[in-house]
Amino acid sequence: MSHIQLSPLRPDDVVAYTALYEEAFPPEERKPLDYMLTGDHASAYEVLVISTEDARVAGLAITVRQGGFVMLDYFAVTPALRGGGIGRAALPLIRDRYTDAKFFLEIERPVESSGNYTQRVLRQAFYASAGMVSTGVCAHIYGTEMELLAFPEDAASITFENYADLLAAHFPPDMRPQKI
């Protein structure tokens, strides 16, 4: 695997970045990029490009910060490069950008009755293989059950209240979690 780099989104990358964003996330899960880049909440978001020596846009990462907490809101690798270790290598680099904050992300809980159970199990296994663990915090949001994951050094500091505060501060009003 080639060297991984993170950098802010540049104008030259917008087309490829947008294509990956739209491929990786269904419409109901996407926020407009303008909301994160130029809207009232833009200062809380960091829109990052994951690059390799072979691909300027190998992946994407979008984080949102509220006080001492940073949530990885979106994370994807270009389909042709998936399975090659780019995502696993990028996660610690993303975490290392925020040494002054507790870093976490949300995943869909692998509930057998869900329509995408296998995908959820694989996603959970991927994050575990990258060293992430459950925080023990679960919530119902977006019409599904979510679980918060973090690296072990941050896991005990992540609470439902931190999560709910972050969403209330920087997400559209219809995106509010309920504790489960």
N, C-alpha and C. Protein backbone atom coordinates (compact mmCIF):
# COMPACT_ATOMS: atom_id res chain seq x y z
N MET A 1 0.84 -1.18 0.00
CA MET A 1 0.00 0.00 0.00
C MET A 1 0.89 1.24 0.00
N SER A 2 0.47 2.23 -0.75
CA SER A 2 1.25 3.46 -0.84
C SER A 2 0.96 4.36 0.36
N HIS A 3 1.77 5.38 0.50
CA HIS A 3 1.67 6.34 1.60
C HIS A 3 0.32 7.06 1.57
N ILE A 4 -0.29 7.22 2.74
CA ILE A 4 -1.60 7.88 2.88
C ILE A 4 -1.38 9.30 3.39
N GLN A 5 -2.12 10.25 2.82
CA GLN A 5 -2.09 11.63 3.28
C GLN A 5 -3.50 12.14 3.46
N LEU A 6 -3.67 13.08 4.37
CA LEU A 6 -4.93 13.78 4.58
C LEU A 6 -4.72 15.25 4.27
N SER A 7 -5.68 15.84 3.59
CA SER A 7 -5.60 17.27 3.32
C SER A 7 -7.01 17.83 3.19
N PRO A 8 -7.16 19.12 3.45
CA PRO A 8 -8.48 19.74 3.25
C PRO A 8 -8.90 19.63 1.78
N LEU A 9 -10.20 19.59 1.56
CA LEU A 9 -10.75 19.54 0.21
C LEU A 9 -10.30 20.76 -0.58
N ARG A 10 -9.78 20.52 -1.78
CA ARG A 10 -9.36 21.60 -2.67
C ARG A 10 -10.37 21.72 -3.82
N PRO A 11 -10.47 22.89 -4.43
CA PRO A 11 -11.40 23.05 -5.55
C PRO A 11 -11.20 22.02 -6.66
N ASP A 12 -9.96 21.63 -6.93
CA ASP A 12 -9.68 20.64 -7.98
C ASP A 12 -10.23 19.25 -7.66
N ASP A 13 -10.52 19.00 -6.39
CA ASP A 13 -10.98 17.67 -5.96
C ASP A 13 -12.49 17.56 -5.83
N VAL A 14 -13.21 18.66 -5.97
CA VAL A 14 -14.64 18.67 -5.66
C VAL A 14 -15.43 17.68 -6.50
N VAL A 15 -15.16 17.56 -7.78
CA VAL A 15 -15.94 16.66 -8.64
C VAL A 15 -15.75 15.21 -8.20
N ALA A 16 -14.51 14.77 -8.03
CA ALA A 16 -14.25 13.39 -7.62
C ALA A 16 -14.76 13.14 -6.20
N TYR A 17 -14.60 14.11 -5.34
CA TYR A 17 -15.05 14.00 -3.96
C TYR A 17 -16.56 13.85 -3.90
N THR A 18 -17.26 14.69 -4.63
CA THR A 18 -18.72 14.65 -4.66
C THR A 18 -19.21 13.32 -5.21
N ALA A 19 -18.56 12.82 -6.25
CA ALA A 19 -18.95 11.52 -6.83
C ALA A 19 -18.80 10.41 -5.79
N LEU A 20 -17.71 10.40 -5.04
CA LEU A 20 -17.52 9.38 -4.02
C LEU A 20 -18.55 9.55 -2.89
N TYR A 21 -18.78 10.76 -2.47
CA TYR A 21 -19.75 11.05 -1.41
C TYR A 21 -21.14 10.53 -1.81
N GLU A 22 -21.53 10.78 -3.05
CA GLU A 22 -22.85 10.35 -3.51
C GLU A 22 -22.91 8.85 -3.73
N GLU A 23 -21.79 8.22 -4.11
CA GLU A 23 -21.77 6.76 -4.28
C GLU A 23 -21.81 6.06 -2.94
N ALA A 24 -21.12 6.58 -1.95
CA ALA A 24 -20.94 5.88 -0.68
C ALA A 24 -22.11 6.05 0.29
N PHE A 25 -22.87 7.13 0.16
CA PHE A 25 -23.92 7.42 1.13
C PHE A 25 -25.25 7.64 0.44
N PRO A 26 -26.30 6.97 0.91
CA PRO A 26 -27.62 7.17 0.29
C PRO A 26 -28.11 8.60 0.52
N PRO A 27 -28.96 9.09 -0.35
CA PRO A 27 -29.43 10.47 -0.25
C PRO A 27 -29.96 10.86 1.13
N GLU A 28 -30.67 9.95 1.78
CA GLU A 28 -31.26 10.29 3.08
C GLU A 28 -30.21 10.44 4.19
N GLU A 29 -28.99 9.99 3.95
CA GLU A 29 -27.92 10.13 4.95
C GLU A 29 -26.99 11.32 4.68
N ARG A 30 -27.13 11.94 3.52
CA ARG A 30 -26.20 13.02 3.14
C ARG A 30 -26.68 14.38 3.59
N LYS A 31 -25.73 15.18 4.04
CA LYS A 31 -25.98 16.60 4.22
C LYS A 31 -25.37 17.29 3.01
N PRO A 32 -25.93 18.39 2.55
CA PRO A 32 -25.31 19.09 1.43
C PRO A 32 -23.88 19.50 1.78
N LEU A 33 -22.96 19.32 0.85
CA LEU A 33 -21.58 19.73 1.11
C LEU A 33 -21.49 21.21 1.47
N ASP A 34 -22.33 22.03 0.86
CA ASP A 34 -22.34 23.46 1.19
C ASP A 34 -22.65 23.70 2.67
N TYR A 35 -23.50 22.87 3.24
CA TYR A 35 -23.84 22.98 4.66
C TYR A 35 -22.56 22.85 5.50
N MET A 36 -21.68 21.95 5.08
CA MET A 36 -20.46 21.67 5.84
C MET A 36 -19.29 22.57 5.44
N LEU A 37 -19.34 23.12 4.24
CA LEU A 37 -18.23 23.94 3.75
C LEU A 37 -18.43 25.44 3.94
N THR A 38 -19.67 25.90 3.77
CA THR A 38 -19.90 27.35 3.77
C THR A 38 -21.07 27.79 4.64
N GLY A 39 -21.80 26.87 5.20
CA GLY A 39 -22.98 27.24 5.99
C GLY A 39 -22.61 27.78 7.36
N ASP A 40 -23.63 28.02 8.16
CA ASP A 40 -23.44 28.55 9.51
C ASP A 40 -22.60 27.63 10.39
N HIS A 41 -22.57 26.35 10.06
CA HIS A 41 -21.86 25.37 10.87
C HIS A 41 -20.51 24.98 10.28
N ALA A 42 -20.10 25.64 9.21
CA ALA A 42 -18.87 25.25 8.50
C ALA A 42 -17.64 25.25 9.40
N SER A 43 -17.58 26.13 10.37
CA SER A 43 -16.39 26.18 11.23
C SER A 43 -16.25 24.94 12.10
N ALA A 44 -17.31 24.20 12.28
CA ALA A 44 -17.26 22.97 13.09
C ALA A 44 -16.83 21.76 12.26
N TYR A 45 -16.96 21.85 10.94
CA TYR A 45 -16.68 20.72 10.06
C TYR A 45 -15.28 20.82 9.46
N GLU A 46 -14.67 19.65 9.27
CA GLU A 46 -13.44 19.57 8.50
C GLU A 46 -13.68 18.54 7.41
N VAL A 47 -13.57 18.97 6.17
CA VAL A 47 -13.82 18.12 5.00
C VAL A 47 -12.45 17.75 4.43
N LEU A 48 -12.11 16.47 4.58
CA LEU A 48 -10.76 15.99 4.25
C LEU A 48 -10.75 15.03 3.07
N VAL A 49 -9.68 15.11 2.31
CA VAL A 49 -9.41 14.18 1.22
C VAL A 49 -8.35 13.20 1.70
N ILE A 50 -8.59 11.92 1.47
CA ILE A 50 -7.59 10.88 1.72
C ILE A 50 -6.92 10.61 0.39
N SER A 51 -5.61 10.80 0.35
CA SER A 51 -4.85 10.63 -0.90
C SER A 51 -3.78 9.56 -0.73
N THR A 52 -3.40 8.97 -1.86
CA THR A 52 -2.25 8.07 -1.91
C THR A 52 -1.34 8.58 -3.02
N GLU A 53 -0.21 7.94 -3.18
CA GLU A 53 0.69 8.31 -4.28
C GLU A 53 0.03 8.07 -5.63
N ASP A 54 -0.91 7.13 -5.67
CA ASP A 54 -1.55 6.76 -6.93
C ASP A 54 -2.92 7.40 -7.16
N ALA A 55 -3.51 7.98 -6.12
CA ALA A 55 -4.87 8.52 -6.26
C ALA A 55 -5.01 9.79 -5.44
N ARG A 56 -5.30 10.90 -6.11
CA ARG A 56 -5.49 12.17 -5.41
C ARG A 56 -6.69 12.10 -4.48
N VAL A 57 -7.81 11.48 -4.93
CA VAL A 57 -8.98 11.29 -4.08
C VAL A 57 -9.18 9.78 -3.92
N ALA A 58 -8.50 9.21 -2.94
CA ALA A 58 -8.63 7.78 -2.63
C ALA A 58 -9.76 7.55 -1.65
N GLY A 59 -10.13 8.61 -0.95
CA GLY A 59 -11.20 8.49 0.04
C GLY A 59 -11.58 9.85 0.58
N LEU A 60 -12.54 9.82 1.49
CA LEU A 60 -13.01 11.05 2.11
C LEU A 60 -13.25 10.83 3.59
N ALA A 61 -13.10 11.89 4.33
CA ALA A 61 -13.41 11.91 5.76
C ALA A 61 -13.98 13.28 6.08
N ILE A 62 -15.10 13.30 6.76
CA ILE A 62 -15.70 14.55 7.19
C ILE A 62 -15.92 14.45 8.70
N THR A 63 -15.31 15.37 9.43
CA THR A 63 -15.45 15.39 10.88
C THR A 63 -16.24 16.62 11.31
N VAL A 64 -16.79 16.53 12.50
CA VAL A 64 -17.49 17.66 13.09
C VAL A 64 -17.08 17.75 14.56
N ARG A 65 -16.79 18.97 15.00
CA ARG A 65 -16.28 19.19 16.37
C ARG A 65 -17.29 19.98 17.19
N GLN A 66 -17.41 19.58 18.43
CA GLN A 66 -18.18 20.33 19.42
C GLN A 66 -17.38 20.27 20.72
N GLY A 67 -16.80 21.40 21.08
CA GLY A 67 -15.98 21.45 22.30
C GLY A 67 -14.83 20.47 22.20
N GLY A 68 -14.70 19.60 23.18
CA GLY A 68 -13.61 18.64 23.24
C GLY A 68 -13.91 17.32 22.58
N PHE A 69 -14.90 17.28 21.67
CA PHE A 69 -15.29 16.04 21.01
C PHE A 69 -15.32 16.22 19.50
N VAL A 70 -14.83 15.21 18.79
CA VAL A 70 -14.84 15.21 17.33
C VAL A 70 -15.48 13.90 16.88
N MET A 71 -16.49 14.01 16.03
CA MET A 71 -17.13 12.84 15.47
C MET A 71 -16.77 12.71 13.99
N LEU A 72 -16.37 11.52 13.59
CA LEU A 72 -16.18 11.22 12.18
C LEU A 72 -17.56 11.00 11.61
N ASP A 73 -18.04 11.97 10.86
CA ASP A 73 -19.42 11.96 10.36
C ASP A 73 -19.55 11.14 9.08
N TYR A 74 -18.58 11.24 8.19
CA TYR A 74 -18.58 10.48 6.94
C TYR A 74 -17.17 9.95 6.70
N PHE A 75 -17.10 8.72 6.18
CA PHE A 75 -15.81 8.10 5.92
C PHE A 75 -16.02 7.08 4.81
N ALA A 76 -15.25 7.20 3.74
CA ALA A 76 -15.39 6.27 2.62
C ALA A 76 -14.10 6.21 1.82
N VAL A 77 -13.89 5.08 1.20
CA VAL A 77 -12.76 4.87 0.29
C VAL A 77 -13.35 4.61 -1.09
N THR A 78 -12.67 5.10 -2.11
CA THR A 78 -13.09 4.90 -3.50
C THR A 78 -13.31 3.40 -3.75
N PRO A 79 -14.41 3.01 -4.41
CA PRO A 79 -14.72 1.59 -4.60
C PRO A 79 -13.55 0.76 -5.15
N ALA A 80 -12.83 1.27 -6.12
CA ALA A 80 -11.74 0.50 -6.72
C ALA A 80 -10.59 0.24 -5.75
N LEU A 81 -10.53 1.01 -4.67
CA LEU A 81 -9.41 0.88 -3.72
C LEU A 81 -9.82 0.22 -2.40
N ARG A 82 -11.10 -0.11 -2.25
CA ARG A 82 -11.57 -0.73 -1.01
C ARG A 82 -10.93 -2.10 -0.82
N GLY A 83 -10.67 -2.42 0.42
CA GLY A 83 -10.07 -3.70 0.76
C GLY A 83 -8.56 -3.69 0.71
N GLY A 84 -7.96 -2.57 0.37
CA GLY A 84 -6.51 -2.49 0.24
C GLY A 84 -5.81 -1.89 1.45
N GLY A 85 -6.54 -1.63 2.53
CA GLY A 85 -5.93 -1.12 3.75
C GLY A 85 -5.91 0.39 3.88
N ILE A 86 -6.43 1.11 2.90
CA ILE A 86 -6.41 2.58 2.96
C ILE A 86 -7.25 3.09 4.12
N GLY A 87 -8.46 2.59 4.27
CA GLY A 87 -9.32 3.04 5.35
C GLY A 87 -8.72 2.74 6.72
N ARG A 88 -8.23 1.53 6.89
CA ARG A 88 -7.62 1.13 8.16
C ARG A 88 -6.42 2.03 8.49
N ALA A 89 -5.63 2.36 7.48
CA ALA A 89 -4.47 3.23 7.69
C ALA A 89 -4.87 4.68 7.93
N ALA A 90 -5.96 5.11 7.33
CA ALA A 90 -6.38 6.51 7.45
C ALA A 90 -6.99 6.83 8.82
N LEU A 91 -7.68 5.88 9.42
CA LEU A 91 -8.36 6.17 10.69
C LEU A 91 -7.44 6.72 11.77
N PRO A 92 -6.30 6.10 12.05
CA PRO A 92 -5.42 6.69 13.07
C PRO A 92 -4.89 8.07 12.68
N LEU A 93 -4.67 8.29 11.39
CA LEU A 93 -4.22 9.62 10.93
C LEU A 93 -5.29 10.67 11.20
N ILE A 94 -6.54 10.30 10.97
CA ILE A 94 -7.64 11.22 11.24
C ILE A 94 -7.69 11.50 12.74
N ARG A 95 -7.64 10.45 13.53
CA ARG A 95 -7.67 10.61 14.99
C ARG A 95 -6.53 11.52 15.45
N ASP A 96 -5.34 11.34 14.90
CA ASP A 96 -4.17 12.11 15.32
C ASP A 96 -4.28 13.60 15.01
N ARG A 97 -5.19 14.00 14.14
CA ARG A 97 -5.41 15.43 13.85
C ARG A 97 -6.04 16.14 15.04
N TYR A 98 -6.65 15.36 15.93
CA TYR A 98 -7.45 15.93 17.02
C TYR A 98 -6.92 15.49 18.38
N THR A 99 -5.65 15.73 18.63
CA THR A 99 -5.04 15.29 19.88
C THR A 99 -5.64 16.00 21.09
N ASP A 100 -6.31 17.12 20.86
CA ASP A 100 -6.92 17.88 21.95
C ASP A 100 -8.39 17.53 22.17
N ALA A 101 -8.86 16.47 21.51
CA ALA A 101 -10.28 16.12 21.59
C ALA A 101 -10.46 14.61 21.68
N LYS A 102 -11.63 14.21 22.13
CA LYS A 102 -12.03 12.80 22.14
C LYS A 102 -12.69 12.52 20.80
N PHE A 103 -12.26 11.45 20.15
CA PHE A 103 -12.66 11.13 18.77
C PHE A 103 -13.57 9.90 18.77
N PHE A 104 -14.68 9.99 18.02
CA PHE A 104 -15.59 8.85 17.94
C PHE A 104 -16.33 8.88 16.61
N LEU A 105 -17.08 7.81 16.36
CA LEU A 105 -17.92 7.73 15.17
C LEU A 105 -19.15 6.90 15.51
N GLU A 106 -20.13 6.94 14.62
CA GLU A 106 -21.35 6.15 14.80
C GLU A 106 -21.47 5.14 13.67
N ILE A 107 -21.97 3.95 14.02
CA ILE A 107 -22.27 2.93 13.01
C ILE A 107 -23.67 2.40 13.27
N GLU A 108 -24.27 1.84 12.25
CA GLU A 108 -25.55 1.18 12.42
C GLU A 108 -25.31 -0.10 13.22
N ARG A 109 -26.10 -0.31 14.26
CA ARG A 109 -25.96 -1.53 15.06
C ARG A 109 -26.34 -2.73 14.20
N PRO A 110 -25.58 -3.81 14.31
CA PRO A 110 -25.91 -5.01 13.53
C PRO A 110 -27.10 -5.77 14.13
N VAL A 111 -28.27 -5.34 13.75
CA VAL A 111 -29.52 -5.94 14.19
C VAL A 111 -29.97 -6.91 13.09
N GLU A 112 -30.20 -8.17 13.45
CA GLU A 112 -30.51 -9.20 12.44
C GLU A 112 -31.71 -8.86 11.58
N SER A 113 -32.67 -8.14 12.12
CA SER A 113 -33.88 -7.82 11.34
C SER A 113 -33.67 -6.68 10.36
N SER A 114 -32.50 -6.05 10.37
CA SER A 114 -32.25 -4.94 9.45
C SER A 114 -32.07 -5.47 8.03
N GLY A 115 -32.36 -4.63 7.08
CA GLY A 115 -32.24 -5.02 5.68
C GLY A 115 -30.80 -5.18 5.20
N ASN A 116 -29.86 -4.61 5.95
CA ASN A 116 -28.46 -4.66 5.54
C ASN A 116 -27.58 -5.25 6.66
N TYR A 117 -28.07 -6.30 7.29
CA TYR A 117 -27.39 -6.90 8.44
C TYR A 117 -25.94 -7.27 8.12
N THR A 118 -25.70 -7.94 7.01
CA THR A 118 -24.34 -8.36 6.66
C THR A 118 -23.42 -7.16 6.51
N GLN A 119 -23.89 -6.11 5.85
CA GLN A 119 -23.09 -4.90 5.69
C GLN A 119 -22.75 -4.29 7.05
N ARG A 120 -23.70 -4.29 7.96
CA ARG A 120 -23.48 -3.73 9.29
C ARG A 120 -22.43 -4.54 10.06
N VAL A 121 -22.51 -5.87 9.97
CA VAL A 121 -21.53 -6.73 10.64
C VAL A 121 -20.13 -6.49 10.07
N LEU A 122 -20.04 -6.39 8.75
CA LEU A 122 -18.75 -6.14 8.12
C LEU A 122 -18.18 -4.78 8.51
N ARG A 123 -19.04 -3.78 8.59
CA ARG A 123 -18.59 -2.44 8.97
C ARG A 123 -18.08 -2.46 10.41
N GLN A 124 -18.79 -3.12 11.30
CA GLN A 124 -18.36 -3.22 12.68
C GLN A 124 -17.01 -3.94 12.77
N ALA A 125 -16.84 -5.02 12.00
CA ALA A 125 -15.58 -5.77 11.99
C ALA A 125 -14.44 -4.91 11.44
N PHE A 126 -14.72 -4.12 10.43
CA PHE A 126 -13.70 -3.23 9.86
C PHE A 126 -13.17 -2.28 10.94
N TYR A 127 -14.08 -1.60 11.63
CA TYR A 127 -13.64 -0.64 12.64
C TYR A 127 -12.92 -1.33 13.80
N ALA A 128 -13.36 -2.53 14.17
CA ALA A 128 -12.67 -3.29 15.21
C ALA A 128 -11.25 -3.65 14.75
N SER A 129 -11.10 -3.99 13.47
CA SER A 129 -9.77 -4.34 12.95
C SER A 129 -8.84 -3.13 12.93
N ALA A 130 -9.42 -1.94 12.94
CA ALA A 130 -8.63 -0.71 12.98
C ALA A 130 -8.35 -0.28 14.42
N GLY A 131 -8.83 -1.06 15.39
CA GLY A 131 -8.55 -0.77 16.79
C GLY A 131 -9.65 -0.05 17.55
N MET A 132 -10.79 0.15 16.90
CA MET A 132 -11.87 0.87 17.57
C MET A 132 -12.72 -0.09 18.39
N VAL A 133 -13.32 0.43 19.46
CA VAL A 133 -14.12 -0.37 20.37
C VAL A 133 -15.46 0.33 20.63
N SER A 134 -16.40 -0.42 21.14
CA SER A 134 -17.69 0.17 21.50
C SER A 134 -17.52 1.07 22.72
N THR A 135 -18.23 2.18 22.71
CA THR A 135 -18.24 3.08 23.87
C THR A 135 -19.34 2.66 24.84
N GLY A 136 -20.22 1.77 24.40
CA GLY A 136 -21.37 1.39 25.20
C GLY A 136 -22.54 2.34 25.01
N VAL A 137 -22.37 3.36 24.17
CA VAL A 137 -23.44 4.33 23.91
C VAL A 137 -24.17 3.94 22.64
N CYS A 138 -25.49 3.81 22.76
CA CYS A 138 -26.33 3.49 21.61
C CYS A 138 -27.47 4.50 21.56
N ALA A 139 -27.93 4.76 20.36
CA ALA A 139 -29.00 5.74 20.18
C ALA A 139 -29.85 5.36 18.98
N HIS A 140 -31.05 5.87 18.97
CA HIS A 140 -31.94 5.70 17.83
C HIS A 140 -31.98 7.04 17.11
N ILE A 141 -31.56 7.02 15.85
CA ILE A 141 -31.53 8.24 15.04
C ILE A 141 -31.58 7.82 13.58
N TYR A 142 -32.04 8.68 12.73
CA TYR A 142 -32.16 8.40 11.28
C TYR A 142 -33.06 7.18 11.03
N GLY A 143 -33.92 6.86 11.98
CA GLY A 143 -34.79 5.70 11.81
C GLY A 143 -34.10 4.37 12.06
N THR A 144 -32.94 4.40 12.70
CA THR A 144 -32.22 3.15 12.97
C THR A 144 -31.46 3.25 14.29
N GLU A 145 -31.02 2.11 14.77
CA GLU A 145 -30.21 2.07 15.98
C GLU A 145 -28.74 2.26 15.61
N MET A 146 -28.10 3.15 16.32
CA MET A 146 -26.69 3.45 16.09
C MET A 146 -25.89 3.12 17.34
N GLU A 147 -24.61 2.81 17.12
CA GLU A 147 -23.68 2.55 18.22
C GLU A 147 -22.46 3.44 18.02
N LEU A 148 -21.96 4.00 19.10
CA LEU A 148 -20.78 4.86 19.01
C LEU A 148 -19.53 4.04 19.29
N LEU A 149 -18.52 4.24 18.43
CA LEU A 149 -17.23 3.57 18.56
C LEU A 149 -16.15 4.63 18.75
N ALA A 150 -15.06 4.23 19.41
CA ALA A 150 -13.92 5.13 19.61
C ALA A 150 -12.67 4.27 19.76
N PHE A 151 -11.53 4.92 19.67
CA PHE A 151 -10.29 4.22 20.02
C PHE A 151 -10.30 4.03 21.54
N PRO A 152 -9.64 2.98 22.04
CA PRO A 152 -9.73 2.67 23.47
C PRO A 152 -9.41 3.84 24.40
N GLU A 153 -8.46 4.67 24.05
CA GLU A 153 -8.10 5.78 24.94
C GLU A 153 -9.20 6.84 25.06
N ASP A 154 -10.14 6.87 24.13
CA ASP A 154 -11.23 7.85 24.17
C ASP A 154 -12.57 7.25 24.58
N ALA A 155 -12.70 5.94 24.51
CA ALA A 155 -14.01 5.29 24.64
C ALA A 155 -14.74 5.64 25.93
N ALA A 156 -14.06 5.63 27.05
CA ALA A 156 -14.73 5.88 28.33
C ALA A 156 -15.22 7.32 28.47
N SER A 157 -14.69 8.23 27.67
CA SER A 157 -15.07 9.64 27.76
C SER A 157 -16.28 10.00 26.90
N ILE A 158 -16.69 9.10 26.02
CA ILE A 158 -17.80 9.40 25.11
C ILE A 158 -19.11 9.04 25.80
N THR A 159 -20.00 10.02 25.90
CA THR A 159 -21.31 9.80 26.52
C THR A 159 -22.43 10.14 25.54
N PHE A 160 -23.61 9.68 25.85
CA PHE A 160 -24.77 10.04 25.04
C PHE A 160 -24.94 11.55 25.02
N GLU A 161 -24.71 12.19 26.15
CA GLU A 161 -24.89 13.64 26.25
C GLU A 161 -23.92 14.38 25.33
N ASN A 162 -22.65 13.93 25.25
CA ASN A 162 -21.69 14.55 24.33
C ASN A 162 -22.19 14.44 22.89
N TYR A 163 -22.64 13.25 22.55
CA TYR A 163 -23.15 12.96 21.21
C TYR A 163 -24.36 13.83 20.90
N ALA A 164 -25.32 13.86 21.80
CA ALA A 164 -26.54 14.64 21.58
C ALA A 164 -26.23 16.14 21.48
N ASP A 165 -25.30 16.62 22.29
CA ASP A 165 -24.91 18.03 22.23
C ASP A 165 -24.27 18.37 20.88
N LEU A 166 -23.40 17.51 20.41
CA LEU A 166 -22.75 17.74 19.12
C LEU A 166 -23.78 17.80 18.00
N LEU A 167 -24.70 16.85 17.99
CA LEU A 167 -25.73 16.85 16.95
C LEU A 167 -26.63 18.07 17.06
N ALA A 168 -27.01 18.43 18.26
CA ALA A 168 -27.89 19.61 18.44
C ALA A 168 -27.20 20.88 17.97
N ALA A 169 -25.90 20.97 18.16
CA ALA A 169 -25.16 22.18 17.80
C ALA A 169 -24.91 22.31 16.31
N HIS A 170 -24.73 21.17 15.60
CA HIS A 170 -24.22 21.26 14.23
C HIS A 170 -24.97 20.46 13.17
N PHE A 171 -26.05 19.80 13.53
CA PHE A 171 -26.80 19.01 12.57
C PHE A 171 -28.16 19.64 12.36
N PRO A 172 -28.79 19.35 11.23
CA PRO A 172 -30.14 19.86 11.01
C PRO A 172 -31.08 19.40 12.14
N PRO A 173 -32.12 20.17 12.42
CA PRO A 173 -33.01 19.88 13.55
C PRO A 173 -33.67 18.50 13.52
N ASP A 174 -33.84 17.91 12.35
CA ASP A 174 -34.49 16.61 12.30
C ASP A 174 -33.54 15.46 12.67
N MET A 175 -32.31 15.77 13.00
CA MET A 175 -31.32 14.74 13.35
C MET A 175 -31.00 14.83 14.83
N ARG A 176 -31.91 14.34 15.66
CA ARG A 176 -31.72 14.34 17.10
C ARG A 176 -31.83 12.89 17.60
N PRO A 177 -30.84 12.44 18.38
CA PRO A 177 -30.86 11.05 18.84
C PRO A 177 -31.76 10.84 20.06
N GLN A 178 -32.23 9.61 20.20
CA GLN A 178 -32.92 9.18 21.40
C GLN A 178 -32.08 8.08 22.00
N LYS A 179 -31.86 8.15 23.29
CA LYS A 179 -31.03 7.15 23.98
C LYS A 179 -31.75 5.81 24.03
N ILE A 180 -31.00 4.73 23.77
CA ILE A 180 -31.58 3.39 23.91
C ILE A 180 -30.72 2.56 24.82
